[in-house]
Amino acid sequence: MVDTFIVVVITSIYDFVTSNVYEVLSYFFFSFFYYYILELKYQKTIGKMMTNTKVVDLDGEPPKSKNIAVRSLCRFFHFDVLSYWVGAYGMHDGYSRTMTIVDKD
């Protein structure tokens, strides 16, 4: 929820300052790059920093760019939220072959 709030605020400020009429497109753009850049560089978003978790691949290593891109794209599908009802991991973890773990560093 923290990450979604941050993306909505960033998108709203951008749309207001630029008088953008394509709010949905800018939301998708900022959302993708928010997750992609932070998870690729730091293995965590601001929400993950607050919960002391990070993203790793299935071997426990930092995920590759391709995995993070797939993970970020899968968040746009509304079924991702529903996927937690049938399993322990979200669709964005399954398709990207990643998982979120407690950060012990």
N, C-alpha and C. Protein backbone atom coordinates (compact mmCIF):
# COMPACT_ATOMS: atom_id res chain seq x y z
N MET A 1 0.82 -1.19 0.00
CA MET A 1 0.00 0.00 0.00
C MET A 1 0.86 1.26 0.00
N VAL A 2 1.99 1.20 0.69
CA VAL A 2 2.89 2.35 0.74
C VAL A 2 3.40 2.68 -0.65
N ASP A 3 3.83 1.67 -1.39
CA ASP A 3 4.36 1.90 -2.73
C ASP A 3 3.28 2.44 -3.67
N THR A 4 2.09 1.91 -3.59
CA THR A 4 1.00 2.41 -4.42
C THR A 4 0.71 3.87 -4.10
N PHE A 5 0.69 4.21 -2.84
CA PHE A 5 0.47 5.60 -2.42
C PHE A 5 1.55 6.50 -3.01
N ILE A 6 2.80 6.10 -2.93
CA ILE A 6 3.90 6.90 -3.45
C ILE A 6 3.77 7.10 -4.96
N VAL A 7 3.44 6.03 -5.69
CA VAL A 7 3.28 6.14 -7.14
C VAL A 7 2.11 7.07 -7.48
N VAL A 8 1.02 6.97 -6.75
CA VAL A 8 -0.14 7.85 -7.00
C VAL A 8 0.24 9.31 -6.74
N VAL A 9 0.98 9.59 -5.69
CA VAL A 9 1.40 10.96 -5.40
C VAL A 9 2.32 11.49 -6.49
N ILE A 10 3.31 10.70 -6.89
CA ILE A 10 4.23 11.11 -7.95
C ILE A 10 3.47 11.39 -9.24
N THR A 11 2.57 10.47 -9.59
CA THR A 11 1.78 10.63 -10.82
C THR A 11 0.90 11.86 -10.74
N SER A 12 0.26 12.08 -9.61
CA SER A 12 -0.63 13.24 -9.44
C SER A 12 0.13 14.55 -9.57
N ILE A 13 1.30 14.62 -8.97
CA ILE A 13 2.12 15.83 -9.07
C ILE A 13 2.53 16.06 -10.52
N TYR A 14 2.99 15.01 -11.16
CA TYR A 14 3.40 15.13 -12.57
C TYR A 14 2.22 15.58 -13.44
N ASP A 15 1.08 14.94 -13.26
CA ASP A 15 -0.10 15.30 -14.08
C ASP A 15 -0.55 16.73 -13.83
N PHE A 16 -0.45 17.19 -12.59
CA PHE A 16 -0.85 18.56 -12.26
C PHE A 16 0.11 19.56 -12.87
N VAL A 17 1.41 19.33 -12.68
CA VAL A 17 2.42 20.28 -13.15
C VAL A 17 2.45 20.36 -14.67
N THR A 18 2.26 19.23 -15.34
CA THR A 18 2.34 19.22 -16.81
C THR A 18 0.99 19.34 -17.49
N SER A 19 -0.09 19.43 -16.71
CA SER A 19 -1.45 19.44 -17.26
C SER A 19 -1.70 18.22 -18.14
N ASN A 20 -1.15 17.11 -17.73
CA ASN A 20 -1.28 15.86 -18.49
C ASN A 20 -2.73 15.37 -18.45
N VAL A 21 -3.26 15.00 -19.59
CA VAL A 21 -4.63 14.48 -19.64
C VAL A 21 -4.66 12.96 -19.75
N TYR A 22 -3.50 12.35 -19.80
CA TYR A 22 -3.41 10.89 -19.91
C TYR A 22 -2.95 10.29 -18.57
N GLU A 23 -3.76 10.53 -17.54
CA GLU A 23 -3.37 10.13 -16.19
C GLU A 23 -3.09 8.64 -16.06
N VAL A 24 -3.90 7.83 -16.71
CA VAL A 24 -3.72 6.38 -16.60
C VAL A 24 -2.39 5.96 -17.19
N LEU A 25 -2.03 6.52 -18.32
CA LEU A 25 -0.74 6.18 -18.93
C LEU A 25 0.43 6.62 -18.06
N SER A 26 0.33 7.81 -17.49
CA SER A 26 1.43 8.25 -16.64
C SER A 26 1.51 7.40 -15.37
N TYR A 27 0.36 6.93 -14.85
CA TYR A 27 0.39 6.03 -13.69
C TYR A 27 1.13 4.75 -14.03
N PHE A 28 0.82 4.14 -15.18
CA PHE A 28 1.51 2.91 -15.59
C PHE A 28 3.00 3.16 -15.78
N PHE A 29 3.34 4.26 -16.40
CA PHE A 29 4.75 4.61 -16.63
C PHE A 29 5.50 4.74 -15.31
N PHE A 30 5.00 5.59 -14.42
CA PHE A 30 5.69 5.82 -13.15
C PHE A 30 5.68 4.57 -12.27
N SER A 31 4.61 3.82 -12.30
CA SER A 31 4.52 2.60 -11.50
C SER A 31 5.57 1.60 -11.96
N PHE A 32 5.64 1.36 -13.26
CA PHE A 32 6.62 0.41 -13.79
C PHE A 32 8.04 0.81 -13.39
N PHE A 33 8.39 2.06 -13.64
CA PHE A 33 9.76 2.49 -13.38
C PHE A 33 10.07 2.63 -11.89
N TYR A 34 9.08 2.95 -11.08
CA TYR A 34 9.29 2.99 -9.63
C TYR A 34 9.74 1.61 -9.14
N TYR A 35 8.97 0.59 -9.47
CA TYR A 35 9.32 -0.77 -9.05
C TYR A 35 10.60 -1.25 -9.74
N TYR A 36 10.68 -1.03 -11.03
CA TYR A 36 11.83 -1.54 -11.80
C TYR A 36 13.15 -0.97 -11.29
N ILE A 37 13.23 0.33 -11.18
CA ILE A 37 14.49 0.96 -10.80
C ILE A 37 14.88 0.62 -9.36
N LEU A 38 13.94 0.75 -8.43
CA LEU A 38 14.27 0.50 -7.02
C LEU A 38 14.59 -0.98 -6.76
N GLU A 39 13.81 -1.88 -7.35
CA GLU A 39 14.07 -3.30 -7.10
C GLU A 39 15.32 -3.78 -7.82
N LEU A 40 15.63 -3.20 -8.96
CA LEU A 40 16.85 -3.59 -9.67
C LEU A 40 18.09 -3.07 -8.95
N LYS A 41 18.06 -1.83 -8.53
CA LYS A 41 19.24 -1.22 -7.89
C LYS A 41 19.40 -1.63 -6.43
N TYR A 42 18.30 -1.64 -5.67
CA TYR A 42 18.40 -1.87 -4.23
C TYR A 42 17.75 -3.17 -3.75
N GLN A 43 17.06 -3.86 -4.63
CA GLN A 43 16.29 -5.06 -4.31
C GLN A 43 15.11 -4.75 -3.40
N LYS A 44 14.75 -3.49 -3.26
CA LYS A 44 13.63 -3.13 -2.40
C LYS A 44 13.06 -1.77 -2.79
N THR A 45 11.78 -1.64 -2.56
CA THR A 45 11.09 -0.37 -2.73
C THR A 45 11.00 0.29 -1.36
N ILE A 46 10.41 1.47 -1.30
CA ILE A 46 10.26 2.15 -0.01
C ILE A 46 9.37 1.32 0.91
N GLY A 47 8.34 0.70 0.37
CA GLY A 47 7.49 -0.17 1.19
C GLY A 47 8.26 -1.36 1.74
N LYS A 48 9.14 -1.93 0.94
CA LYS A 48 9.97 -3.05 1.40
C LYS A 48 10.99 -2.58 2.44
N MET A 49 11.47 -1.35 2.31
CA MET A 49 12.38 -0.80 3.31
C MET A 49 11.67 -0.71 4.66
N MET A 50 10.41 -0.31 4.63
CA MET A 50 9.64 -0.18 5.87
C MET A 50 9.33 -1.53 6.51
N THR A 51 9.21 -2.57 5.69
CA THR A 51 8.91 -3.90 6.22
C THR A 51 10.15 -4.78 6.34
N ASN A 52 11.31 -4.20 6.04
CA ASN A 52 12.59 -4.91 6.14
C ASN A 52 12.60 -6.19 5.30
N THR A 53 12.15 -6.06 4.06
CA THR A 53 12.15 -7.18 3.12
C THR A 53 12.87 -6.77 1.85
N LYS A 54 13.22 -7.77 1.03
CA LYS A 54 13.86 -7.49 -0.25
C LYS A 54 13.49 -8.56 -1.26
N VAL A 55 13.75 -8.28 -2.52
CA VAL A 55 13.45 -9.19 -3.62
C VAL A 55 14.71 -9.95 -4.00
N VAL A 56 14.56 -11.26 -4.17
CA VAL A 56 15.67 -12.10 -4.63
C VAL A 56 15.14 -13.06 -5.69
N ASP A 57 16.06 -13.67 -6.44
CA ASP A 57 15.63 -14.71 -7.37
C ASP A 57 15.45 -16.01 -6.58
N LEU A 58 15.09 -17.08 -7.25
CA LEU A 58 14.79 -18.33 -6.56
C LEU A 58 16.01 -18.97 -5.91
N ASP A 59 17.21 -18.51 -6.29
CA ASP A 59 18.45 -19.00 -5.67
C ASP A 59 18.91 -18.11 -4.52
N GLY A 60 18.14 -17.06 -4.22
CA GLY A 60 18.49 -16.14 -3.15
C GLY A 60 19.46 -15.04 -3.57
N GLU A 61 19.70 -14.94 -4.87
CA GLU A 61 20.62 -13.94 -5.41
C GLU A 61 19.83 -12.72 -5.89
N PRO A 62 20.51 -11.58 -6.09
CA PRO A 62 19.82 -10.42 -6.65
C PRO A 62 19.23 -10.76 -8.02
N PRO A 63 17.99 -10.39 -8.26
CA PRO A 63 17.35 -10.72 -9.54
C PRO A 63 17.99 -9.97 -10.71
N LYS A 64 17.89 -10.57 -11.86
CA LYS A 64 18.39 -9.94 -13.09
C LYS A 64 17.36 -8.93 -13.61
N SER A 65 17.81 -8.09 -14.49
CA SER A 65 16.97 -7.04 -15.07
C SER A 65 15.69 -7.61 -15.69
N LYS A 66 15.82 -8.74 -16.40
CA LYS A 66 14.67 -9.37 -17.04
C LYS A 66 13.63 -9.79 -16.00
N ASN A 67 14.08 -10.37 -14.91
CA ASN A 67 13.16 -10.81 -13.86
C ASN A 67 12.41 -9.63 -13.25
N ILE A 68 13.12 -8.55 -13.00
CA ILE A 68 12.49 -7.37 -12.41
C ILE A 68 11.51 -6.74 -13.39
N ALA A 69 11.84 -6.74 -14.68
CA ALA A 69 10.93 -6.19 -15.69
C ALA A 69 9.63 -7.00 -15.72
N VAL A 70 9.73 -8.32 -15.73
CA VAL A 70 8.53 -9.18 -15.73
C VAL A 70 7.74 -8.95 -14.45
N ARG A 71 8.43 -8.88 -13.32
CA ARG A 71 7.79 -8.65 -12.02
C ARG A 71 7.02 -7.33 -12.03
N SER A 72 7.64 -6.29 -12.57
CA SER A 72 7.00 -4.97 -12.61
C SER A 72 5.79 -4.96 -13.55
N LEU A 73 5.90 -5.63 -14.68
CA LEU A 73 4.78 -5.69 -15.63
C LEU A 73 3.60 -6.49 -15.08
N CYS A 74 3.87 -7.55 -14.37
CA CYS A 74 2.79 -8.39 -13.82
C CYS A 74 1.93 -7.64 -12.81
N ARG A 75 2.45 -6.61 -12.20
CA ARG A 75 1.67 -5.84 -11.23
C ARG A 75 0.48 -5.14 -11.86
N PHE A 76 0.50 -4.95 -13.17
CA PHE A 76 -0.59 -4.26 -13.85
C PHE A 76 -1.82 -5.14 -14.04
N PHE A 77 -1.68 -6.42 -13.86
CA PHE A 77 -2.81 -7.33 -14.01
C PHE A 77 -3.54 -7.44 -12.68
N HIS A 78 -4.81 -7.17 -12.70
CA HIS A 78 -5.59 -7.17 -11.46
C HIS A 78 -5.66 -8.55 -10.83
N PHE A 79 -5.39 -9.58 -11.61
CA PHE A 79 -5.40 -10.93 -11.06
C PHE A 79 -4.25 -11.15 -10.09
N ASP A 80 -3.24 -10.28 -10.16
CA ASP A 80 -2.09 -10.42 -9.27
C ASP A 80 -2.53 -10.39 -7.80
N VAL A 81 -3.40 -9.48 -7.45
CA VAL A 81 -3.89 -9.38 -6.07
C VAL A 81 -4.67 -10.64 -5.70
N LEU A 82 -5.47 -11.13 -6.62
CA LEU A 82 -6.28 -12.32 -6.35
C LEU A 82 -5.42 -13.58 -6.25
N SER A 83 -4.23 -13.56 -6.84
CA SER A 83 -3.38 -14.76 -6.82
C SER A 83 -2.94 -15.14 -5.41
N TYR A 84 -2.99 -14.22 -4.48
CA TYR A 84 -2.65 -14.55 -3.09
C TYR A 84 -3.70 -15.42 -2.42
N TRP A 85 -4.89 -15.47 -2.98
CA TRP A 85 -5.96 -16.30 -2.41
C TRP A 85 -5.73 -17.78 -2.68
N VAL A 86 -4.97 -18.08 -3.72
CA VAL A 86 -4.75 -19.49 -4.08
C VAL A 86 -3.33 -19.97 -3.83
N GLY A 87 -2.47 -19.10 -3.35
CA GLY A 87 -1.09 -19.51 -3.09
C GLY A 87 -0.38 -18.54 -2.18
N ALA A 88 0.80 -18.89 -1.77
CA ALA A 88 1.57 -18.07 -0.85
C ALA A 88 2.25 -16.89 -1.55
N TYR A 89 2.43 -16.99 -2.87
CA TYR A 89 3.12 -15.95 -3.61
C TYR A 89 2.20 -15.32 -4.64
N GLY A 90 2.46 -14.06 -4.94
CA GLY A 90 1.69 -13.37 -5.96
C GLY A 90 2.13 -13.77 -7.36
N MET A 91 1.29 -13.46 -8.31
CA MET A 91 1.57 -13.76 -9.71
C MET A 91 2.88 -13.10 -10.14
N HIS A 92 3.15 -11.89 -9.63
CA HIS A 92 4.38 -11.19 -10.03
C HIS A 92 5.62 -11.94 -9.54
N ASP A 93 5.51 -12.71 -8.49
CA ASP A 93 6.64 -13.54 -8.04
C ASP A 93 6.77 -14.80 -8.90
N GLY A 94 5.65 -15.43 -9.17
CA GLY A 94 5.68 -16.68 -9.93
C GLY A 94 6.22 -16.53 -11.33
N TYR A 95 5.68 -15.58 -12.08
CA TYR A 95 6.11 -15.41 -13.47
C TYR A 95 7.53 -14.85 -13.59
N SER A 96 7.95 -14.06 -12.61
CA SER A 96 9.28 -13.47 -12.68
C SER A 96 10.34 -14.35 -12.03
N ARG A 97 9.90 -15.45 -11.41
CA ARG A 97 10.80 -16.36 -10.73
C ARG A 97 11.60 -15.64 -9.65
N THR A 98 10.88 -14.83 -8.85
CA THR A 98 11.47 -14.09 -7.75
C THR A 98 10.66 -14.36 -6.50
N MET A 99 11.16 -13.88 -5.37
CA MET A 99 10.41 -13.96 -4.13
C MET A 99 10.86 -12.84 -3.22
N THR A 100 10.02 -12.52 -2.26
CA THR A 100 10.33 -11.50 -1.27
C THR A 100 10.69 -12.19 0.02
N ILE A 101 11.82 -11.81 0.58
CA ILE A 101 12.29 -12.43 1.81
C ILE A 101 12.62 -11.34 2.84
N VAL A 102 12.78 -11.75 4.08
CA VAL A 102 13.20 -10.84 5.13
C VAL A 102 14.66 -10.46 4.88
N ASP A 103 14.96 -9.18 4.94
CA ASP A 103 16.32 -8.70 4.71
C ASP A 103 17.08 -8.76 6.03
N LYS A 104 18.06 -9.63 6.11
CA LYS A 104 18.82 -9.83 7.35
C LYS A 104 20.06 -8.94 7.43
N ASP A 105 20.28 -8.10 6.42
CA ASP A 105 21.47 -7.22 6.42
C ASP A 105 21.28 -6.04 7.33
